[in-house]
Protein backbone atom coordinates (compact mmCIF):
# COMPACT_ATOMS: atom_id res chain seq x y z
CA UNK A 1 10.46 1.99 -20.59
CA UNK A 2 12.85 4.67 -18.75
CA UNK A 3 11.77 6.49 -16.07
CA UNK A 4 12.59 9.83 -15.27
CA UNK A 5 14.66 10.08 -11.90
CA UNK A 6 13.80 13.49 -10.33
CA UNK A 7 17.18 15.58 -9.45
CA UNK A 8 15.01 17.66 -7.08
CA UNK A 9 12.85 16.42 -4.19
CA UNK A 10 9.71 16.13 -6.42
CA UNK A 11 9.01 12.80 -7.17
CA UNK A 12 5.59 12.39 -8.15
CA UNK A 13 3.45 8.32 -7.19
CA UNK A 14 4.32 7.33 -11.05
CA UNK A 15 7.91 7.54 -10.02
CA UNK A 16 7.68 6.14 -6.69
CA UNK A 17 6.01 3.43 -7.89
CA UNK A 18 8.42 2.49 -10.60
CA UNK A 19 11.87 3.28 -8.14
CA UNK A 20 9.96 0.59 -5.91
CA UNK A 21 9.31 -1.81 -8.89
CA UNK A 22 12.73 -1.42 -10.17
CA UNK A 23 14.39 -1.72 -6.69
CA UNK A 24 12.38 -5.06 -6.37
CA UNK A 25 13.49 -6.10 -9.45
CA UNK A 26 17.33 -5.81 -8.09
CA UNK A 27 16.38 -7.56 -4.93
CA UNK A 28 15.60 -10.54 -7.01
CA UNK A 29 18.99 -11.39 -8.23
CA UNK A 30 20.20 -11.53 -4.54
CA UNK A 31 20.10 -14.56 -2.83
CA UNK A 32 17.97 -13.13 0.06
CA UNK A 33 15.81 -10.64 -1.84
CA UNK A 34 17.72 -8.02 -0.70
CA UNK A 35 19.26 -4.73 -2.37
CA UNK A 36 23.08 -4.18 -2.14
CA UNK A 37 23.21 -0.48 -1.40
CA UNK A 38 25.70 1.80 -0.82
CA UNK A 39 25.60 4.74 1.50
CA UNK A 40 26.82 8.10 0.42
CA UNK A 41 25.60 9.74 3.62
CA UNK A 42 25.71 8.12 7.47
CA UNK A 43 22.34 7.42 8.79
CA UNK A 44 22.32 5.22 11.96
CA UNK A 45 23.08 2.27 12.19
CA UNK A 46 25.20 3.01 8.63
CA UNK A 47 27.90 5.68 7.86
CA UNK A 48 29.00 6.86 4.85
CA UNK A 49 30.81 3.81 2.72
CA UNK A 50 28.86 1.35 4.30
CA UNK A 51 27.57 -1.59 2.07
CA UNK A 52 24.48 -3.08 3.27
CA UNK A 53 21.49 -5.50 2.11
CA UNK A 54 18.12 -3.81 2.47
CA UNK A 55 15.08 -5.03 1.67
CA UNK A 56 13.78 -3.03 -1.74
CA UNK A 57 11.16 -0.31 0.03
CA UNK A 58 13.95 0.39 2.65
CA UNK A 59 16.50 1.23 -0.36
CA UNK A 60 14.08 2.78 -2.58
CA UNK A 61 13.04 5.17 0.19
CA UNK A 62 17.09 5.57 1.11
CA UNK A 63 17.77 5.96 -2.70
CA UNK A 64 14.87 8.76 -2.73
CA UNK A 65 16.34 10.57 0.30
CA UNK A 66 19.78 10.39 -1.44
CA UNK A 67 21.38 8.41 1.24
CA UNK A 68 22.95 6.22 -1.61
CA UNK A 69 22.59 4.03 -4.18
CA UNK A 70 22.52 0.48 -5.57
CA UNK A 71 25.57 -1.31 -6.00
CA UNK A 72 27.24 -4.54 -7.11
CA UNK A 73 28.71 -6.24 -3.87
CA UNK A 74 32.05 -4.35 -4.60
CA UNK A 75 30.80 -0.85 -4.41
CA UNK A 76 30.40 -0.33 -7.93
CA UNK A 77 27.24 1.47 -8.97
CA UNK A 78 24.07 -0.47 -10.82
CA UNK A 79 22.72 2.33 -13.28
CA UNK A 80 19.57 1.73 -14.43
CA UNK A 81 17.06 3.83 -16.77
CA UNK A 82 20.30 5.06 -18.83
CA UNK A 83 21.03 7.69 -16.01
CA UNK A 84 24.47 7.98 -14.68
CA UNK A 85 24.51 7.51 -10.56
CA UNK A 86 26.32 10.92 -10.46
CA UNK A 87 23.29 12.40 -12.12
CA UNK A 88 21.03 10.15 -9.83
CA UNK A 89 21.45 11.55 -6.63
CA UNK A 90 22.61 15.08 -6.49
CA UNK A 91 24.55 16.15 -3.69
CA UNK A 92 21.92 19.30 -3.04
CA UNK A 93 19.48 21.39 -4.42
CA UNK A 94 18.92 25.04 -4.81
CA UNK A 95 15.01 24.41 -4.17
CA UNK A 96 15.16 22.50 -1.09
CA UNK A 97 12.64 22.55 1.77
CA UNK A 98 13.53 24.94 4.47
CA UNK A 99 13.61 23.02 7.99
CA UNK A 100 13.39 25.45 10.62
CA UNK A 101 15.95 25.03 13.11
CA UNK A 102 13.03 24.55 15.85
CA UNK A 103 11.50 21.94 14.24
CA UNK A 104 11.67 19.36 16.96
CA UNK A 105 9.38 21.72 19.10
CA UNK A 106 6.93 21.84 16.15
CA UNK A 107 3.39 20.13 16.32
CA UNK A 108 3.61 16.60 15.19
CA UNK A 109 1.21 17.47 12.68
CA UNK A 110 3.63 19.91 11.21
CA UNK A 111 6.38 17.79 11.61
CA UNK A 112 4.45 15.38 9.37
CA UNK A 113 3.32 17.94 6.52
CA UNK A 114 7.41 19.35 6.82
CA UNK A 115 8.69 15.07 5.95
CA UNK A 116 6.04 14.86 3.76
CA UNK A 117 7.21 17.99 1.65
CA UNK A 118 11.24 16.94 2.34
CA UNK A 119 10.42 13.38 0.28
CA UNK A 120 7.94 15.10 -1.89
CA UNK A 121 5.03 12.73 -1.46
CA UNK A 122 1.61 12.28 0.33
CA UNK A 123 2.36 9.03 1.44
CA UNK A 124 0.83 8.23 5.46
CA UNK A 125 3.64 8.74 7.59
CA UNK A 126 3.60 7.99 11.38
CA UNK A 127 5.47 11.09 14.06
CA UNK A 128 8.81 8.70 14.44
CA UNK A 129 8.71 7.87 10.13
CA UNK A 130 8.35 11.82 10.15
CA UNK A 131 11.08 12.73 12.97
CA UNK A 132 13.39 10.17 10.99
CA UNK A 133 13.12 12.10 7.51
CA UNK A 134 13.52 15.23 8.62
CA UNK A 135 16.70 14.19 10.70
CA UNK A 136 18.18 11.90 7.35
CA UNK A 137 17.37 15.37 5.41
CA UNK A 138 19.38 17.60 7.80
CA UNK A 139 22.31 15.06 8.09
CA UNK A 140 22.21 14.73 4.10
CA UNK A 141 22.55 18.35 3.98
CA UNK A 142 25.36 18.30 6.71
CA UNK A 143 23.12 20.51 9.01
CA UNK A 144 23.45 18.42 11.78
C-alpha cells in the first residue's frame, strides 16, 4: 500500500512512521545499514549536492525537512510510493510556518513549539533539536 507523501509541512504520525519504515527498508540494501542521501540544501556539515550515508531515522527526518532525498551511489534519486522526486520535495510552500526574526531570543518552550509546527509533528524535542529544526528550515527557505 502506497503512502501519500505530503507536499506541505503537515506530516501525520502515520506518514512519519511509514517514511521511517521505508528508509529502514532502503538501509537494508546498504552494507553498513545506511541510507545514501543527496542533499538539495546545505546543512552543516553537509553542503548542497553532497552525498552521504545516514542512519535511517536521520535520513527520514532530513527528507521530511526537505533537505534532500534518498539516492543511488551516483546521486540518482530513488523513487518510492510511485511519486517522482520532483513532487516529493517542493522548494517552497505558500502555507509555510512563519518564523519570527527574533526566534533565537524567544523562550525555549516557544522555540520547541515553533519547531513542532515546522516539522508538523508533536514528537518530543530538546531545545537543541528545536533550534536545529528552525535553523534548517530558514536555510531551506534561503532566509539565513
